Amino acid sequence: MEKVDKVDNEIELACIAIAALGFGVDKITEGFYRDVAEHIRGGELYLAFENSEPVAFRIISRKVEGVVYLAGAAKKPNSKRHLIREMTGQILEKENPQSVITRTGNDYVLEEMMYLTSKVVPIEKEASEETIELLAKCGLADKRMRRESLVTPGYYENGPMINSKLGRPQSKDPRVVDFMRKVMPDEEYFRGAAIILVGRRGGL
């Protein structure tokens, strides 16, 4: 894995191709291209390689001191299992933030957060006023967000990030499945709902 100091056209095209494969996109539209390009240029980009070819990326940003925001990630379907988790773990080991925040509709991202942090709000601990204040400082407190579950209905305007034809990603962890289906039923998932996850590190 390596950090990209400057995103050139070649790297941009590689990341868009990875994202299209990872999300099961049938056709790369102008909107999809623009969205991925803005993400990879709007944060710190890390790339993983297999046989000298880029196969996965992770984007992070720093919203406030002590917080790392996981702004996006994707990998080629045939690349190493848990590759993004490994990449994220290496980044967090280096950055050593107190909190890790991300937004998703994907079960597997919740699995990753539970693996990489000691406590995840809201699945392992309810969202407190402190959590809501932290999200507000980070510019992540959407007015439509449900404070008890941190779910924002219809956040992704065009539906879930992963192609709906592929169905809904489902964790093998019953805790994740039970929680996600409770706070984000299928009908909301397929309408583009997203949940914010706040992972605490270092026993906090």
C-alpha atoms as a PDB file:
ATOM      1  CA  MET A   1       0.000   0.000   0.000  1.00  0.00           C
ATOM      2  CA  GLU A   2       1.200   3.510  -0.739  1.00  0.00           C
ATOM      3  CA  LYS A   3      -0.071   7.018  -0.188  1.00  0.00           C
ATOM      4  CA  VAL A   4      -0.625   9.005  -3.376  1.00  0.00           C
ATOM      5  CA  ASP A   5       0.946  12.462  -3.172  1.00  0.00           C
ATOM      6  CA  LYS A   6      -0.563  13.724  -6.409  1.00  0.00           C
ATOM      7  CA  VAL A   7      -3.588  12.339  -8.256  1.00  0.00           C
ATOM      8  CA  ASP A   8      -2.914  12.419 -11.981  1.00  0.00           C
ATOM      9  CA  ASN A   9      -5.201  11.353 -14.817  1.00  0.00           C
ATOM     10  CA  GLU A  10      -3.831   7.795 -14.851  1.00  0.00           C
ATOM     11  CA  ILE A  11      -4.529   7.284 -11.145  1.00  0.00           C
ATOM     12  CA  GLU A  12      -7.969   8.871 -11.478  1.00  0.00           C
ATOM     13  CA  LEU A  13      -8.930   6.494 -14.294  1.00  0.00           C
ATOM     14  CA  ALA A  14      -7.584   3.508 -12.340  1.00  0.00           C
ATOM     15  CA  CYS A  15      -9.672   4.412  -9.270  1.00  0.00           C
ATOM     16  CA  ILE A  16     -12.802   4.926 -11.336  1.00  0.00           C
ATOM     17  CA  ALA A  17     -12.307   1.499 -12.928  1.00  0.00           C
ATOM     18  CA  ILE A  18     -11.808  -0.090  -9.475  1.00  0.00           C
ATOM     19  CA  ALA A  19     -14.941   1.632  -8.130  1.00  0.00           C
ATOM     20  CA  ALA A  20     -17.026   0.540 -11.110  1.00  0.00           C
ATOM     21  CA  LEU A  21     -15.993  -3.094 -10.624  1.00  0.00           C
ATOM     22  CA  GLY A  22     -16.349  -2.940  -6.847  1.00  0.00           C
ATOM     23  CA  PHE A  23     -19.824  -1.406  -6.945  1.00  0.00           C
ATOM     24  CA  GLY A  24     -21.017  -3.556  -9.854  1.00  0.00           C
ATOM     25  CA  VAL A  25     -21.649  -0.556 -12.103  1.00  0.00           C
ATOM     26  CA  ASP A  26     -22.850  -1.591 -15.569  1.00  0.00           C
ATOM     27  CA  LYS A  27     -21.982   1.695 -17.252  1.00  0.00           C
ATOM     28  CA  ILE A  28     -19.738   4.510 -16.063  1.00  0.00           C
ATOM     29  CA  THR A  29     -21.919   7.592 -16.330  1.00  0.00           C
ATOM     30  CA  GLU A  30     -20.706  11.173 -16.192  1.00  0.00           C
ATOM     31  CA  GLY A  31     -22.224  11.467 -12.697  1.00  0.00           C
ATOM     32  CA  PHE A  32     -20.435   8.343 -11.430  1.00  0.00           C
ATOM     33  CA  TYR A  33     -17.137   9.503 -12.920  1.00  0.00           C
ATOM     34  CA  ARG A  34     -17.481  12.941 -11.343  1.00  0.00           C
ATOM     35  CA  ASP A  35     -18.468  11.547  -7.932  1.00  0.00           C
ATOM     36  CA  VAL A  36     -15.491   9.176  -7.726  1.00  0.00           C
ATOM     37  CA  ALA A  37     -13.085  11.819  -9.056  1.00  0.00           C
ATOM     38  CA  GLU A  38     -14.258  14.356  -6.473  1.00  0.00           C
ATOM     39  CA  HIS A  39     -13.853  11.806  -3.671  1.00  0.00           C
ATOM     40  CA  ILE A  40     -10.328  10.732  -4.575  1.00  0.00           C
ATOM     41  CA  ARG A  41      -9.197  14.340  -5.049  1.00  0.00           C
ATOM     42  CA  GLY A  42     -10.978  15.575  -1.924  1.00  0.00           C
ATOM     43  CA  GLY A  43      -9.058  13.537   0.640  1.00  0.00           C
ATOM     44  CA  GLU A  44      -5.888  11.541   1.230  1.00  0.00           C
ATOM     45  CA  LEU A  45      -5.716   8.651  -1.224  1.00  0.00           C
ATOM     46  CA  TYR A  46      -4.065   5.282  -0.575  1.00  0.00           C
ATOM     47  CA  LEU A  47      -3.643   2.598  -3.231  1.00  0.00           C
ATOM     48  CA  ALA A  48      -2.984  -1.136  -2.917  1.00  0.00           C
ATOM     49  CA  PHE A  49      -1.315  -3.115  -5.691  1.00  0.00           C
ATOM     50  CA  GLU A  50      -1.190  -6.705  -6.860  1.00  0.00           C
ATOM     51  CA  ASN A  51       1.373  -7.592  -9.531  1.00  0.00           C
ATOM     52  CA  SER A  52       2.093  -3.864  -9.898  1.00  0.00           C
ATOM     53  CA  GLU A  53      -1.548  -3.150 -10.796  1.00  0.00           C
ATOM     54  CA  PRO A  54      -3.770  -0.961  -8.566  1.00  0.00           C
ATOM     55  CA  VAL A  55      -6.571  -3.136  -7.165  1.00  0.00           C
ATOM     56  CA  ALA A  56      -7.985  -1.135  -4.249  1.00  0.00           C
ATOM     57  CA  PHE A  57      -8.130   2.345  -2.795  1.00  0.00           C
ATOM     58  CA  ARG A  58      -8.995   3.943   0.534  1.00  0.00           C
ATOM     59  CA  ILE A  59      -9.694   7.661   1.044  1.00  0.00           C
ATOM     60  CA  ILE A  60      -9.491   9.395   4.407  1.00  0.00           C
ATOM     61  CA  SER A  61      -9.936  12.966   5.566  1.00  0.00           C
ATOM     62  CA  ARG A  62      -9.456  14.811   8.833  1.00  0.00           C
ATOM     63  CA  LYS A  63     -12.581  16.660   9.977  1.00  0.00           C
ATOM     64  CA  VAL A  64     -11.372  17.742  13.427  1.00  0.00           C
ATOM     65  CA  GLU A  65      -8.374  16.929  15.603  1.00  0.00           C
ATOM     66  CA  GLY A  66      -8.325  13.319  16.793  1.00  0.00           C
ATOM     67  CA  VAL A  67     -10.827  12.143  14.179  1.00  0.00           C
ATOM     68  CA  VAL A  68     -10.236  10.271  10.929  1.00  0.00           C
ATOM     69  CA  TYR A  69     -13.128  10.155   8.454  1.00  0.00           C
ATOM     70  CA  LEU A  70     -13.219   7.153   6.128  1.00  0.00           C
ATOM     71  CA  ALA A  71     -14.427   8.943   3.020  1.00  0.00           C
ATOM     72  CA  GLY A  72     -14.530   6.053   0.583  1.00  0.00           C
ATOM     73  CA  ALA A  73     -13.038   2.755  -0.532  1.00  0.00           C
ATOM     74  CA  ALA A  74     -13.362   0.144  -3.231  1.00  0.00           C
ATOM     75  CA  LYS A  75     -11.531  -2.926  -4.473  1.00  0.00           C
ATOM     76  CA  LYS A  76     -11.625  -5.229  -7.446  1.00  0.00           C
ATOM     77  CA  PRO A  77     -13.825  -8.248  -6.664  1.00  0.00           C
ATOM     78  CA  ASN A  78     -11.059 -10.764  -7.392  1.00  0.00           C
ATOM     79  CA  SER A  79      -8.464  -9.049  -5.184  1.00  0.00           C
ATOM     80  CA  LYS A  80      -7.392 -10.248  -1.754  1.00  0.00           C
ATOM     81  CA  ARG A  81     -10.157 -10.804   0.814  1.00  0.00           C
ATOM     82  CA  HIS A  82     -10.314  -8.158   3.559  1.00  0.00           C
ATOM     83  CA  LEU A  83      -7.844  -6.009   1.620  1.00  0.00           C
ATOM     84  CA  ILE A  84      -9.639  -2.756   2.439  1.00  0.00           C
ATOM     85  CA  ARG A  85      -9.781  -3.730   6.112  1.00  0.00           C
ATOM     86  CA  GLU A  86      -6.024  -4.328   6.086  1.00  0.00           C
ATOM     87  CA  MET A  87      -5.382  -1.007   4.360  1.00  0.00           C
ATOM     88  CA  THR A  88      -7.586   0.853   6.820  1.00  0.00           C
ATOM     89  CA  GLY A  89      -5.941  -0.854   9.781  1.00  0.00           C
ATOM     90  CA  GLN A  90      -2.491   0.236   8.615  1.00  0.00           C
ATOM     91  CA  ILE A  91      -3.676   3.817   8.160  1.00  0.00           C
ATOM     92  CA  LEU A  92      -5.285   3.947  11.609  1.00  0.00           C
ATOM     93  CA  GLU A  93      -2.177   2.448  13.194  1.00  0.00           C
ATOM     94  CA  LYS A  94      -0.164   5.295  11.743  1.00  0.00           C
ATOM     95  CA  GLU A  95      -2.686   8.081  12.389  1.00  0.00           C
ATOM     96  CA  ASN A  96      -3.777   6.830  15.842  1.00  0.00           C
ATOM     97  CA  PRO A  97      -7.053   8.813  16.022  1.00  0.00           C
ATOM     98  CA  GLN A  98      -9.359   8.744  19.030  1.00  0.00           C
ATOM     99  CA  SER A  99     -12.396   8.352  16.782  1.00  0.00           C
ATOM    100  CA  VAL A 100     -13.080   6.937  13.334  1.00  0.00           C
ATOM    101  CA  ILE A 101     -16.206   8.010  11.457  1.00  0.00           C
ATOM    102  CA  THR A 102     -17.767   6.809   8.227  1.00  0.00           C
ATOM    103  CA  ARG A 103     -21.082   6.808   6.402  1.00  0.00           C
ATOM    104  CA  THR A 104     -22.461   3.740   4.615  1.00  0.00           C
ATOM    105  CA  GLY A 105     -25.376   1.504   3.767  1.00  0.00           C
ATOM    106  CA  ASN A 106     -23.202  -1.597   3.586  1.00  0.00           C
ATOM    107  CA  ASP A 107     -23.170  -4.358   6.255  1.00  0.00           C
ATOM    108  CA  TYR A 108     -19.517  -5.095   5.554  1.00  0.00           C
ATOM    109  CA  VAL A 109     -18.436  -1.576   6.466  1.00  0.00           C
ATOM    110  CA  LEU A 110     -20.050  -2.025   9.875  1.00  0.00           C
ATOM    111  CA  GLU A 111     -18.154  -5.324  10.239  1.00  0.00           C
ATOM    112  CA  GLU A 112     -14.935  -3.509   9.379  1.00  0.00           C
ATOM    113  CA  MET A 113     -15.595  -0.773  11.946  1.00  0.00           C
ATOM    114  CA  MET A 114     -16.327  -3.337  14.675  1.00  0.00           C
ATOM    115  CA  TYR A 115     -13.055  -5.093  13.844  1.00  0.00           C
ATOM    116  CA  LEU A 116     -10.906  -1.952  13.743  1.00  0.00           C
ATOM    117  CA  THR A 117     -12.300  -0.011  16.712  1.00  0.00           C
ATOM    118  CA  SER A 118     -13.135  -0.869  20.310  1.00  0.00           C
ATOM    119  CA  LYS A 119     -16.727   0.405  20.370  1.00  0.00           C
ATOM    120  CA  VAL A 120     -19.040   1.410  17.513  1.00  0.00           C
ATOM    121  CA  VAL A 121     -21.890   3.879  17.897  1.00  0.00           C
ATOM    122  CA  PRO A 122     -24.787   3.196  17.402  1.00  0.00           C
ATOM    123  CA  ILE A 123     -24.634  -0.642  17.289  1.00  0.00           C
ATOM    124  CA  GLU A 124     -22.574  -1.266  20.451  1.00  0.00           C
ATOM    125  CA  LYS A 125     -23.390   1.982  22.234  1.00  0.00           C
ATOM    126  CA  GLU A 126     -26.209   4.491  21.827  1.00  0.00           C
ATOM    127  CA  ALA A 127     -25.460   7.867  20.309  1.00  0.00           C
ATOM    128  CA  SER A 128     -24.972  10.453  23.060  1.00  0.00           C
ATOM    129  CA  GLU A 129     -25.163  14.230  22.916  1.00  0.00           C
ATOM    130  CA  GLU A 130     -21.370  14.166  22.746  1.00  0.00           C
ATOM    131  CA  THR A 131     -21.586  12.018  19.602  1.00  0.00           C
ATOM    132  CA  ILE A 132     -24.113  14.360  17.970  1.00  0.00           C
ATOM    133  CA  GLU A 133     -21.919  17.358  18.813  1.00  0.00           C
ATOM    134  CA  LEU A 134     -18.892  15.620  17.303  1.00  0.00           C
ATOM    135  CA  LEU A 135     -20.813  14.924  14.083  1.00  0.00           C
ATOM    136  CA  ALA A 136     -21.917  18.560  13.973  1.00  0.00           C
ATOM    137  CA  LYS A 137     -18.296  19.725  14.317  1.00  0.00           C
ATOM    138  CA  CYS A 138     -17.363  17.407  11.460  1.00  0.00           C
ATOM    139  CA  GLY A 139     -20.188  18.744   9.276  1.00  0.00           C
ATOM    140  CA  LEU A 140     -21.899  15.345   9.228  1.00  0.00           C
ATOM    141  CA  ALA A 141     -25.106  16.040  11.181  1.00  0.00           C
ATOM    142  CA  ASP A 142     -27.639  15.952   8.338  1.00  0.00           C
ATOM    143  CA  LYS A 143     -30.976  17.523   9.333  1.00  0.00           C
ATOM    144  CA  ARG A 144     -32.808  14.390   8.168  1.00  0.00           C
ATOM    145  CA  MET A 145     -30.646  12.115  10.336  1.00  0.00           C
ATOM    146  CA  ARG A 146     -32.427  10.116  13.041  1.00  0.00           C
ATOM    147  CA  ARG A 147     -30.520  10.858  16.213  1.00  0.00           C
ATOM    148  CA  GLU A 148     -31.165   7.478  17.843  1.00  0.00           C
ATOM    149  CA  SER A 149     -29.928   5.386  14.892  1.00  0.00           C
ATOM    150  CA  LEU A 150     -27.793   7.918  12.940  1.00  0.00           C
ATOM    151  CA  VAL A 151     -29.616   6.828   9.772  1.00  0.00           C
ATOM    152  CA  THR A 152     -30.408   9.380   7.073  1.00  0.00           C
ATOM    153  CA  PRO A 153     -33.204   8.187   4.741  1.00  0.00           C
ATOM    154  CA  GLY A 154     -32.588   8.831   1.040  1.00  0.00           C
ATOM    155  CA  TYR A 155     -29.053  10.122   1.563  1.00  0.00           C
ATOM    156  CA  TYR A 156     -27.843   8.593  -1.717  1.00  0.00           C
ATOM    157  CA  GLU A 157     -30.202  10.225  -4.198  1.00  0.00           C
ATOM    158  CA  ASN A 158     -29.854   7.533  -6.851  1.00  0.00           C
ATOM    159  CA  GLY A 159     -30.191   4.547  -4.533  1.00  0.00           C
ATOM    160  CA  PRO A 160     -27.478   2.458  -2.861  1.00  0.00           C
ATOM    161  CA  MET A 161     -23.853   2.790  -3.948  1.00  0.00           C
ATOM    162  CA  ILE A 162     -23.709  -0.889  -4.907  1.00  0.00           C
ATOM    163  CA  ASN A 163     -25.738  -1.831  -7.978  1.00  0.00           C
ATOM    164  CA  SER A 164     -29.238  -2.830  -6.784  1.00  0.00           C
ATOM    165  CA  LYS A 165     -29.216  -5.732  -9.259  1.00  0.00           C
ATOM    166  CA  LEU A 166     -26.627  -7.398  -7.038  1.00  0.00           C
ATOM    167  CA  GLY A 167     -28.990  -7.324  -4.065  1.00  0.00           C
ATOM    168  CA  ARG A 168     -28.192  -6.041  -0.602  1.00  0.00           C
ATOM    169  CA  PRO A 169     -24.794  -6.987   0.893  1.00  0.00           C
ATOM    170  CA  GLN A 170     -25.407  -9.215   3.910  1.00  0.00           C
ATOM    171  CA  SER A 171     -22.986  -9.831   6.741  1.00  0.00           C
ATOM    172  CA  LYS A 172     -22.453 -13.276   8.204  1.00  0.00           C
ATOM    173  CA  ASP A 173     -22.448 -11.652  11.651  1.00  0.00           C
ATOM    174  CA  PRO A 174     -26.012 -11.937  13.043  1.00  0.00           C
ATOM    175  CA  ARG A 175     -25.476  -8.850  15.236  1.00  0.00           C
ATOM    176  CA  VAL A 176     -24.793  -6.753  12.164  1.00  0.00           C
ATOM    177  CA  VAL A 177     -27.686  -8.187  10.160  1.00  0.00           C
ATOM    178  CA  ASP A 178     -30.196  -7.816  13.005  1.00  0.00           C
ATOM    179  CA  PHE A 179     -29.121  -4.257  13.739  1.00  0.00           C
ATOM    180  CA  MET A 180     -28.971  -3.062  10.146  1.00  0.00           C
ATOM    181  CA  ARG A 181     -32.331  -4.584   9.189  1.00  0.00           C
ATOM    182  CA  LYS A 182     -33.886  -2.977  12.271  1.00  0.00           C
ATOM    183  CA  VAL A 183     -32.611   0.558  11.694  1.00  0.00           C
ATOM    184  CA  MET A 184     -32.503   0.362   7.883  1.00  0.00           C
ATOM    185  CA  PRO A 185     -35.151  -1.973   6.415  1.00  0.00           C
ATOM    186  CA  ASP A 186     -34.711  -3.174   2.836  1.00  0.00           C
ATOM    187  CA  GLU A 187     -37.126  -0.606   1.413  1.00  0.00           C
ATOM    188  CA  GLU A 188     -35.018   2.209   2.928  1.00  0.00           C
ATOM    189  CA  TYR A 189     -31.746   0.625   1.858  1.00  0.00           C
ATOM    190  CA  PHE A 190     -32.871   0.442  -1.771  1.00  0.00           C
ATOM    191  CA  ARG A 191     -34.002   4.069  -1.599  1.00  0.00           C
ATOM    192  CA  GLY A 192     -30.500   5.141  -0.671  1.00  0.00           C
ATOM    193  CA  ALA A 193     -30.483   5.325   3.130  1.00  0.00           C
ATOM    194  CA  ALA A 194     -27.131   5.714   4.884  1.00  0.00           C
ATOM    195  CA  ILE A 195     -25.956   5.296   8.456  1.00  0.00           C
ATOM    196  CA  ILE A 196     -23.148   7.138  10.210  1.00  0.00           C
ATOM    197  CA  LEU A 197     -20.837   4.960  12.304  1.00  0.00           C
ATOM    198  CA  VAL A 198     -18.571   6.360  14.993  1.00  0.00           C
ATOM    199  CA  GLY A 199     -15.845   4.028  16.175  1.00  0.00           C
ATOM    200  CA  ARG A 200     -13.974   4.767  19.391  1.00  0.00           C
ATOM    201  CA  ARG A 201     -10.395   3.609  19.786  1.00  0.00           C
ATOM    202  CA  GLY A 202      -8.140   3.049  22.763  1.00  0.00           C
ATOM    203  CA  GLY A 203     -10.928   1.880  25.065  1.00  0.00           C
ATOM    204  CA  LEU A 204     -12.783   5.189  24.927  1.00  0.00           C
END
